[in-house]
């Protein structure tokens, strides 16, 4: 079974945890100094927030799967659609160990498909972020600019493609 994933960057983690606890009627399942996550069944969503020097707002969206087979299926769909993906195996991100496939949709929104198979003691790396920023820069250079596509610059609320790679 698949679960929608939404990651939001927040300016004040404590205040945001209080807000989302009230909204969801549930405490987070994971709380760290810079991160919190809810694994909700109603609605079925993996909702995460973090305070990591990013612009406030939606960081990225995704689909969490329950097996490597489901991840392979979603990743192959992205590739069949002609999308450039960035695949990661056994990566540490958002205090979890996961296999992932990243893509930016035609509007520049960052999507992550992932299978989580363990916990981690650190937040993790932003390897996918650097790879997708480099890709966006090459595309902008090839088209003479990035007026209609993702921008390869520091994350801002108006540039959804330049966001964190972790969930």
Protein backbone atom coordinates (compact mmCIF):
# COMPACT_ATOMS: atom_id res chain seq x y z
CA UNK A 1 0.00 0.00 0.00
CA UNK A 2 1.29 3.45 -0.85
CA UNK A 3 1.32 6.52 1.37
CA UNK A 4 1.48 10.15 0.29
CA UNK A 5 4.49 12.05 1.64
CA UNK A 6 4.62 15.79 2.25
CA UNK A 7 7.60 17.62 3.76
CA UNK A 8 7.27 21.23 4.91
CA UNK A 9 10.11 23.53 5.99
CA UNK A 10 9.13 25.57 9.04
CA UNK A 11 10.67 28.60 10.78
CA UNK A 12 9.77 27.43 14.33
CA UNK A 13 9.68 23.68 14.95
CA UNK A 14 8.09 23.81 18.42
CA UNK A 15 5.29 26.11 17.31
CA UNK A 16 4.69 24.00 14.20
CA UNK A 17 4.60 20.74 16.17
CA UNK A 18 1.91 22.23 18.42
CA UNK A 19 -0.10 23.37 15.40
CA UNK A 20 0.08 20.03 13.57
CA UNK A 21 -0.61 18.02 16.75
CA UNK A 22 -3.85 19.96 17.06
CA UNK A 23 -4.69 19.68 13.35
CA UNK A 24 -4.07 15.92 13.17
CA UNK A 25 -5.26 15.11 16.70
CA UNK A 26 -2.06 13.12 17.20
CA UNK A 27 1.49 13.56 18.45
CA UNK A 28 4.36 13.06 16.00
CA UNK A 29 5.80 9.55 15.73
CA UNK A 30 9.34 10.98 15.43
CA UNK A 31 10.70 14.15 17.07
CA UNK A 32 14.29 15.39 16.77
CA UNK A 33 15.87 18.80 17.43
CA UNK A 34 15.31 19.85 13.80
CA UNK A 35 12.62 17.44 12.55
CA UNK A 36 9.24 15.87 13.32
CA UNK A 37 7.16 13.28 11.45
CA UNK A 38 3.60 11.97 11.64
CA UNK A 39 2.69 8.59 10.09
CA UNK A 40 -1.05 9.06 9.80
CA UNK A 41 -3.66 6.54 8.67
CA UNK A 42 -6.46 9.09 8.28
CA UNK A 43 -5.50 10.59 5.92
CA UNK A 44 -2.86 8.02 4.91
CA UNK A 45 0.13 10.33 4.80
CA UNK A 46 3.75 10.56 5.93
CA UNK A 47 3.85 14.24 6.96
CA UNK A 48 7.22 15.70 7.97
CA UNK A 49 8.43 19.13 9.05
CA UNK A 50 11.97 20.36 9.53
CA UNK A 51 13.87 23.45 10.54
CA UNK A 52 17.04 23.22 8.45
CA UNK A 53 17.86 26.67 6.99
CA UNK A 54 15.39 26.33 4.11
CA UNK A 55 12.69 28.72 2.97
CA UNK A 56 9.43 28.09 4.82
CA UNK A 57 6.81 26.20 2.83
CA UNK A 58 6.41 22.96 0.94
CA UNK A 59 9.85 21.38 0.58
CA UNK A 60 8.92 18.35 -1.52
CA UNK A 61 6.16 15.78 -2.01
CA UNK A 62 6.37 12.08 -2.61
CA UNK A 63 5.02 8.57 -2.43
CA UNK A 64 6.25 6.13 0.21
CA UNK A 65 5.97 2.45 -0.71
CA UNK A 66 6.05 -0.75 1.32
CA UNK A 67 8.51 -2.75 -0.81
CA UNK A 68 11.41 -2.52 -3.23
CA UNK A 69 9.12 -3.99 -5.91
CA UNK A 70 6.69 -1.06 -5.53
CA UNK A 71 9.62 1.37 -5.67
CA UNK A 72 10.91 -0.25 -8.86
CA UNK A 73 7.43 0.00 -10.40
CA UNK A 74 7.07 3.72 -9.62
CA UNK A 75 10.63 4.48 -10.70
CA UNK A 76 10.09 2.68 -14.02
CA UNK A 77 6.89 4.72 -14.58
CA UNK A 78 8.86 7.94 -14.11
CA UNK A 79 11.53 6.76 -16.55
CA UNK A 80 8.90 5.61 -19.08
CA UNK A 81 7.38 9.09 -18.96
CA UNK A 82 10.75 10.43 -20.03
CA UNK A 83 11.52 12.07 -16.71
CA UNK A 84 15.17 12.39 -15.61
CA UNK A 85 15.41 10.59 -12.26
CA UNK A 86 18.08 10.56 -9.58
CA UNK A 87 18.19 7.19 -7.84
CA UNK A 88 19.72 6.58 -4.42
CA UNK A 89 20.28 3.24 -2.71
CA UNK A 90 20.74 2.73 1.03
CA UNK A 91 20.79 6.47 1.70
CA UNK A 92 20.45 8.10 5.09
CA UNK A 93 17.89 10.87 5.10
CA UNK A 94 15.43 12.27 7.63
CA UNK A 95 16.64 9.92 10.34
CA UNK A 96 15.83 6.91 8.14
CA UNK A 97 17.56 4.44 5.78
CA UNK A 98 15.87 4.34 2.38
CA UNK A 99 16.14 3.56 -1.30
CA UNK A 100 14.81 6.47 -3.41
CA UNK A 101 14.08 7.79 -6.84
CA UNK A 102 13.81 11.59 -7.25
CA UNK A 103 12.33 13.63 -10.09
CA UNK A 104 11.15 17.17 -10.79
CA UNK A 105 7.74 17.33 -12.48
CA UNK A 106 7.14 19.61 -15.50
CA UNK A 107 6.27 22.50 -13.16
CA UNK A 108 9.48 22.04 -11.17
CA UNK A 109 7.85 20.41 -8.11
CA UNK A 110 10.25 17.91 -6.52
CA UNK A 111 8.85 14.40 -6.10
CA UNK A 112 10.44 11.55 -4.19
CA UNK A 113 9.42 7.89 -4.38
CA UNK A 114 10.98 5.86 -1.59
CA UNK A 115 11.11 2.64 0.40
CA UNK A 116 12.26 2.99 4.02
CA UNK A 117 13.88 -0.06 5.61
CA UNK A 118 15.39 1.25 8.83
CA UNK A 119 16.09 4.11 11.22
CA UNK A 120 19.18 6.32 11.42
CA UNK A 121 20.68 8.44 14.19
CA UNK A 122 21.50 11.39 11.89
CA UNK A 123 19.37 13.54 9.58
CA UNK A 124 21.39 12.53 6.52
CA UNK A 125 22.78 13.91 3.28
CA UNK A 126 21.44 16.20 0.56
CA UNK A 127 23.05 14.31 -2.34
CA UNK A 128 19.87 14.38 -4.47
CA UNK A 129 19.54 18.14 -3.91
CA UNK A 130 22.96 18.82 -5.40
CA UNK A 131 22.35 16.47 -8.34
CA UNK A 132 19.00 18.03 -9.26
CA UNK A 133 20.35 21.57 -8.89
CA UNK A 134 23.18 20.67 -11.26
CA UNK A 135 20.65 19.17 -13.69
CA UNK A 136 18.49 22.31 -13.54
CA UNK A 137 21.54 24.50 -14.18
CA UNK A 138 22.45 22.45 -17.28
CA UNK A 139 18.87 22.65 -18.58
CA UNK A 140 18.80 26.42 -17.99
CA UNK A 141 22.12 26.80 -19.82
CA UNK A 142 20.88 24.69 -22.75
CA UNK A 143 17.69 26.77 -23.12
CA UNK A 144 19.33 30.12 -22.52
CA UNK A 145 17.71 30.63 -19.14
CA UNK A 146 15.36 29.14 -16.59
CA UNK A 147 12.36 31.41 -17.07
CA UNK A 148 9.91 28.51 -17.29
CA UNK A 149 11.74 25.75 -15.43
CA UNK A 150 13.41 25.02 -12.12
CA UNK A 151 16.11 27.42 -10.98
CA UNK A 152 19.42 26.18 -9.62
CA UNK A 153 19.78 28.63 -6.76
CA UNK A 154 19.21 28.53 -3.00
CA UNK A 155 15.74 27.47 -1.94
CA UNK A 156 13.10 30.19 -1.96
CA UNK A 157 9.34 29.89 -1.60
CA UNK A 158 8.92 30.87 -5.27
CA UNK A 159 11.41 28.26 -6.57
CA UNK A 160 9.95 24.86 -5.66
CA UNK A 161 12.57 22.92 -7.60
CA UNK A 162 15.41 24.11 -5.40
CA UNK A 163 14.57 22.26 -2.22
CA UNK A 164 15.92 19.73 0.22
CA UNK A 165 16.32 16.15 -0.86
CA UNK A 166 15.49 14.59 2.49
CA UNK A 167 12.16 13.53 3.81
